[in-house]
Amino acid sequence: MTIEIYRGYVAPYDEPENHQFSIIATESSARYAVPDIAVESLGLDDDRIAMILNSYKVQGIPTPTTPLEWARLASDNLSQIDVVLFEPVEPYSDSEIEQAIEDEKTEATDALEYRNQYKGGE
């Protein structure tokens, strides 16, 4: 199983503090890594992915089979967000998906705290 990490940024995505959330994707699923205080306001949770997947089925769109396809599904209808592949220095192994989610949640939380402290929030 391949684990790929996609980070969602408000432009420009070359500034780490613009990191809003991450999508952890495999060949069979996608999950969000979102700062705890932003989950409700962003609406990025497993229910959102299930809703989009159900919509795909109703429309006759095939279920994703690659991490990229799952990341596209998870980023469907997210306006003003650029989702880009992030390649960690050390890729996560198959058994480390929960660790990847926690690490990415921490990164997004740090970016949120930076924005709130130095940029007056967004």
C-alpha atoms as a PDB file:
ATOM      1  CA  MET A   1       0.000   0.000   0.000  1.00  0.00           C
ATOM      2  CA  THR A   2       1.306   3.414  -0.961  1.00  0.00           C
ATOM      3  CA  ILE A   3       0.747   6.334   1.392  1.00  0.00           C
ATOM      4  CA  GLU A   4       0.825   9.762  -0.231  1.00  0.00           C
ATOM      5  CA  ILE A   5       0.389  13.079   1.519  1.00  0.00           C
ATOM      6  CA  TYR A   6      -1.298  16.015  -0.166  1.00  0.00           C
ATOM      7  CA  ARG A   7      -1.305  19.390   1.566  1.00  0.00           C
ATOM      8  CA  GLY A   8      -4.025  21.972   1.096  1.00  0.00           C
ATOM      9  CA  TYR A   9      -2.838  25.578   0.930  1.00  0.00           C
ATOM     10  CA  VAL A  10      -4.310  28.947   0.345  1.00  0.00           C
ATOM     11  CA  ALA A  11      -2.130  30.528  -2.324  1.00  0.00           C
ATOM     12  CA  PRO A  12       0.792  30.888  -2.399  1.00  0.00           C
ATOM     13  CA  TYR A  13       1.642  27.348  -1.423  1.00  0.00           C
ATOM     14  CA  ASP A  14       5.376  28.038  -1.179  1.00  0.00           C
ATOM     15  CA  GLU A  15       4.776  29.611   2.254  1.00  0.00           C
ATOM     16  CA  PRO A  16       4.478  26.924   4.954  1.00  0.00           C
ATOM     17  CA  GLU A  17       2.154  29.042   7.101  1.00  0.00           C
ATOM     18  CA  ASN A  18      -0.493  28.807   4.364  1.00  0.00           C
ATOM     19  CA  HIS A  19      -0.852  25.045   5.010  1.00  0.00           C
ATOM     20  CA  GLN A  20      -4.525  24.536   5.984  1.00  0.00           C
ATOM     21  CA  PHE A  21      -4.937  20.742   6.123  1.00  0.00           C
ATOM     22  CA  SER A  22      -3.606  17.517   4.621  1.00  0.00           C
ATOM     23  CA  ILE A  23      -5.084  14.560   2.809  1.00  0.00           C
ATOM     24  CA  ILE A  24      -3.530  11.190   3.586  1.00  0.00           C
ATOM     25  CA  ALA A  25      -4.313   8.970   0.598  1.00  0.00           C
ATOM     26  CA  THR A  26      -3.765   5.323  -0.309  1.00  0.00           C
ATOM     27  CA  GLU A  27      -5.003   3.102  -3.126  1.00  0.00           C
ATOM     28  CA  SER A  28      -8.195   2.417  -1.158  1.00  0.00           C
ATOM     29  CA  SER A  29      -9.009   5.517   0.896  1.00  0.00           C
ATOM     30  CA  ALA A  30      -8.351   9.095   1.884  1.00  0.00           C
ATOM     31  CA  ARG A  31      -8.474  10.793   5.262  1.00  0.00           C
ATOM     32  CA  TYR A  32      -8.038  14.375   6.349  1.00  0.00           C
ATOM     33  CA  ALA A  33      -5.498  15.689   8.843  1.00  0.00           C
ATOM     34  CA  VAL A  34      -6.985  18.946  10.119  1.00  0.00           C
ATOM     35  CA  PRO A  35      -6.228  21.024  13.214  1.00  0.00           C
ATOM     36  CA  ASP A  36      -8.732  20.023  15.899  1.00  0.00           C
ATOM     37  CA  ILE A  37     -10.051  23.577  16.244  1.00  0.00           C
ATOM     38  CA  ALA A  38     -10.739  23.804  12.488  1.00  0.00           C
ATOM     39  CA  VAL A  39     -12.481  20.466  11.823  1.00  0.00           C
ATOM     40  CA  GLU A  40     -15.985  21.807  12.345  1.00  0.00           C
ATOM     41  CA  SER A  41     -15.487  25.104  10.508  1.00  0.00           C
ATOM     42  CA  LEU A  42     -13.832  23.447   7.507  1.00  0.00           C
ATOM     43  CA  GLY A  43     -16.131  20.419   7.457  1.00  0.00           C
ATOM     44  CA  LEU A  44     -13.271  18.133   6.500  1.00  0.00           C
ATOM     45  CA  ASP A  45     -14.005  14.757   8.025  1.00  0.00           C
ATOM     46  CA  ASP A  46     -14.662  11.150   7.052  1.00  0.00           C
ATOM     47  CA  ASP A  47     -18.357  11.922   6.481  1.00  0.00           C
ATOM     48  CA  ARG A  48     -17.438  14.406   3.740  1.00  0.00           C
ATOM     49  CA  ILE A  49     -15.367  11.787   1.921  1.00  0.00           C
ATOM     50  CA  ALA A  50     -18.184   9.218   2.258  1.00  0.00           C
ATOM     51  CA  MET A  51     -20.698  11.741   0.891  1.00  0.00           C
ATOM     52  CA  ILE A  52     -18.527  12.515  -2.142  1.00  0.00           C
ATOM     53  CA  LEU A  53     -17.873   8.811  -2.747  1.00  0.00           C
ATOM     54  CA  ASN A  54     -21.623   8.151  -2.635  1.00  0.00           C
ATOM     55  CA  SER A  55     -22.174  10.997  -5.094  1.00  0.00           C
ATOM     56  CA  TYR A  56     -19.580   9.431  -7.414  1.00  0.00           C
ATOM     57  CA  LYS A  57     -21.437   6.101  -7.269  1.00  0.00           C
ATOM     58  CA  VAL A  58     -24.784   7.760  -8.065  1.00  0.00           C
ATOM     59  CA  GLN A  59     -23.179   9.529 -11.041  1.00  0.00           C
ATOM     60  CA  GLY A  60     -21.528   6.335 -12.249  1.00  0.00           C
ATOM     61  CA  ILE A  61     -18.017   7.622 -11.570  1.00  0.00           C
ATOM     62  CA  PRO A  62     -15.671   4.725 -10.717  1.00  0.00           C
ATOM     63  CA  THR A  63     -14.302   4.384  -7.198  1.00  0.00           C
ATOM     64  CA  PRO A  64     -10.746   5.765  -7.012  1.00  0.00           C
ATOM     65  CA  THR A  65      -7.912   3.236  -7.212  1.00  0.00           C
ATOM     66  CA  THR A  66      -4.808   5.412  -6.737  1.00  0.00           C
ATOM     67  CA  PRO A  67      -3.728   7.838  -4.007  1.00  0.00           C
ATOM     68  CA  LEU A  68      -3.954  10.708  -6.506  1.00  0.00           C
ATOM     69  CA  GLU A  69      -7.544   9.811  -7.426  1.00  0.00           C
ATOM     70  CA  TRP A  70      -8.488   9.601  -3.727  1.00  0.00           C
ATOM     71  CA  ALA A  71      -6.828  12.983  -3.074  1.00  0.00           C
ATOM     72  CA  ARG A  72      -8.821  14.482  -5.952  1.00  0.00           C
ATOM     73  CA  LEU A  73     -12.014  13.031  -4.477  1.00  0.00           C
ATOM     74  CA  ALA A  74     -11.187  14.426  -1.019  1.00  0.00           C
ATOM     75  CA  SER A  75     -10.418  17.864  -2.483  1.00  0.00           C
ATOM     76  CA  ASP A  76     -13.570  17.984  -4.622  1.00  0.00           C
ATOM     77  CA  ASN A  77     -15.381  21.350  -4.341  1.00  0.00           C
ATOM     78  CA  LEU A  78     -12.746  23.046  -2.191  1.00  0.00           C
ATOM     79  CA  SER A  79     -12.566  26.557  -3.582  1.00  0.00           C
ATOM     80  CA  GLN A  80      -9.501  28.765  -3.193  1.00  0.00           C
ATOM     81  CA  ILE A  81      -7.395  25.833  -2.003  1.00  0.00           C
ATOM     82  CA  ASP A  82      -4.431  24.409  -3.909  1.00  0.00           C
ATOM     83  CA  VAL A  83      -3.778  20.745  -3.102  1.00  0.00           C
ATOM     84  CA  VAL A  84      -0.191  19.717  -3.786  1.00  0.00           C
ATOM     85  CA  LEU A  85       1.763  16.515  -3.262  1.00  0.00           C
ATOM     86  CA  PHE A  86       4.069  16.703  -0.257  1.00  0.00           C
ATOM     87  CA  GLU A  87       6.962  14.273  -0.176  1.00  0.00           C
ATOM     88  CA  PRO A  88       8.290  13.661   3.323  1.00  0.00           C
ATOM     89  CA  VAL A  89      12.007  13.071   3.742  1.00  0.00           C
ATOM     90  CA  GLU A  90      11.225   9.576   4.998  1.00  0.00           C
ATOM     91  CA  PRO A  91       8.096   8.064   3.428  1.00  0.00           C
ATOM     92  CA  TYR A  92       5.623   6.437   5.771  1.00  0.00           C
ATOM     93  CA  SER A  93       5.315   2.667   5.733  1.00  0.00           C
ATOM     94  CA  ASP A  94       1.978   0.906   5.284  1.00  0.00           C
ATOM     95  CA  SER A  95       1.477   0.557   9.034  1.00  0.00           C
ATOM     96  CA  GLU A  96       2.120   4.231   9.768  1.00  0.00           C
ATOM     97  CA  ILE A  97      -1.036   5.853   8.380  1.00  0.00           C
ATOM     98  CA  GLU A  98      -2.178   7.002  11.842  1.00  0.00           C
ATOM     99  CA  GLN A  99       1.270   8.491  12.477  1.00  0.00           C
ATOM    100  CA  ALA A 100       1.129  10.313   9.135  1.00  0.00           C
ATOM    101  CA  ILE A 101      -2.256  11.780  10.082  1.00  0.00           C
ATOM    102  CA  GLU A 102      -0.985  12.928  13.485  1.00  0.00           C
ATOM    103  CA  ASP A 103       2.195  14.438  12.002  1.00  0.00           C
ATOM    104  CA  GLU A 104       0.246  16.325   9.343  1.00  0.00           C
ATOM    105  CA  LYS A 105      -2.335  17.507  11.882  1.00  0.00           C
ATOM    106  CA  THR A 106       0.542  18.915  13.948  1.00  0.00           C
ATOM    107  CA  GLU A 107       2.018  20.673  10.896  1.00  0.00           C
ATOM    108  CA  ALA A 108      -1.331  22.245   9.993  1.00  0.00           C
ATOM    109  CA  THR A 109      -1.932  23.270  13.621  1.00  0.00           C
ATOM    110  CA  ASP A 110       1.495  24.936  13.785  1.00  0.00           C
ATOM    111  CA  ALA A 111       0.705  26.839  10.581  1.00  0.00           C
ATOM    112  CA  LEU A 112      -2.679  27.928  11.990  1.00  0.00           C
ATOM    113  CA  GLU A 113      -1.074  29.146  15.205  1.00  0.00           C
ATOM    114  CA  TYR A 114       1.547  31.061  13.200  1.00  0.00           C
ATOM    115  CA  ARG A 115      -1.150  32.728  11.087  1.00  0.00           C
ATOM    116  CA  ASN A 116      -3.126  33.684  14.180  1.00  0.00           C
ATOM    117  CA  GLN A 117      -0.091  35.081  15.974  1.00  0.00           C
ATOM    118  CA  TYR A 118       1.766  36.844  13.159  1.00  0.00           C
ATOM    119  CA  LYS A 119      -0.798  37.477  10.455  1.00  0.00           C
ATOM    120  CA  GLY A 120      -3.866  38.275  12.523  1.00  0.00           C
ATOM    121  CA  GLY A 121      -5.645  35.003  11.612  1.00  0.00           C
ATOM    122  CA  GLU A 122      -7.513  34.220   8.422  1.00  0.00           C
END
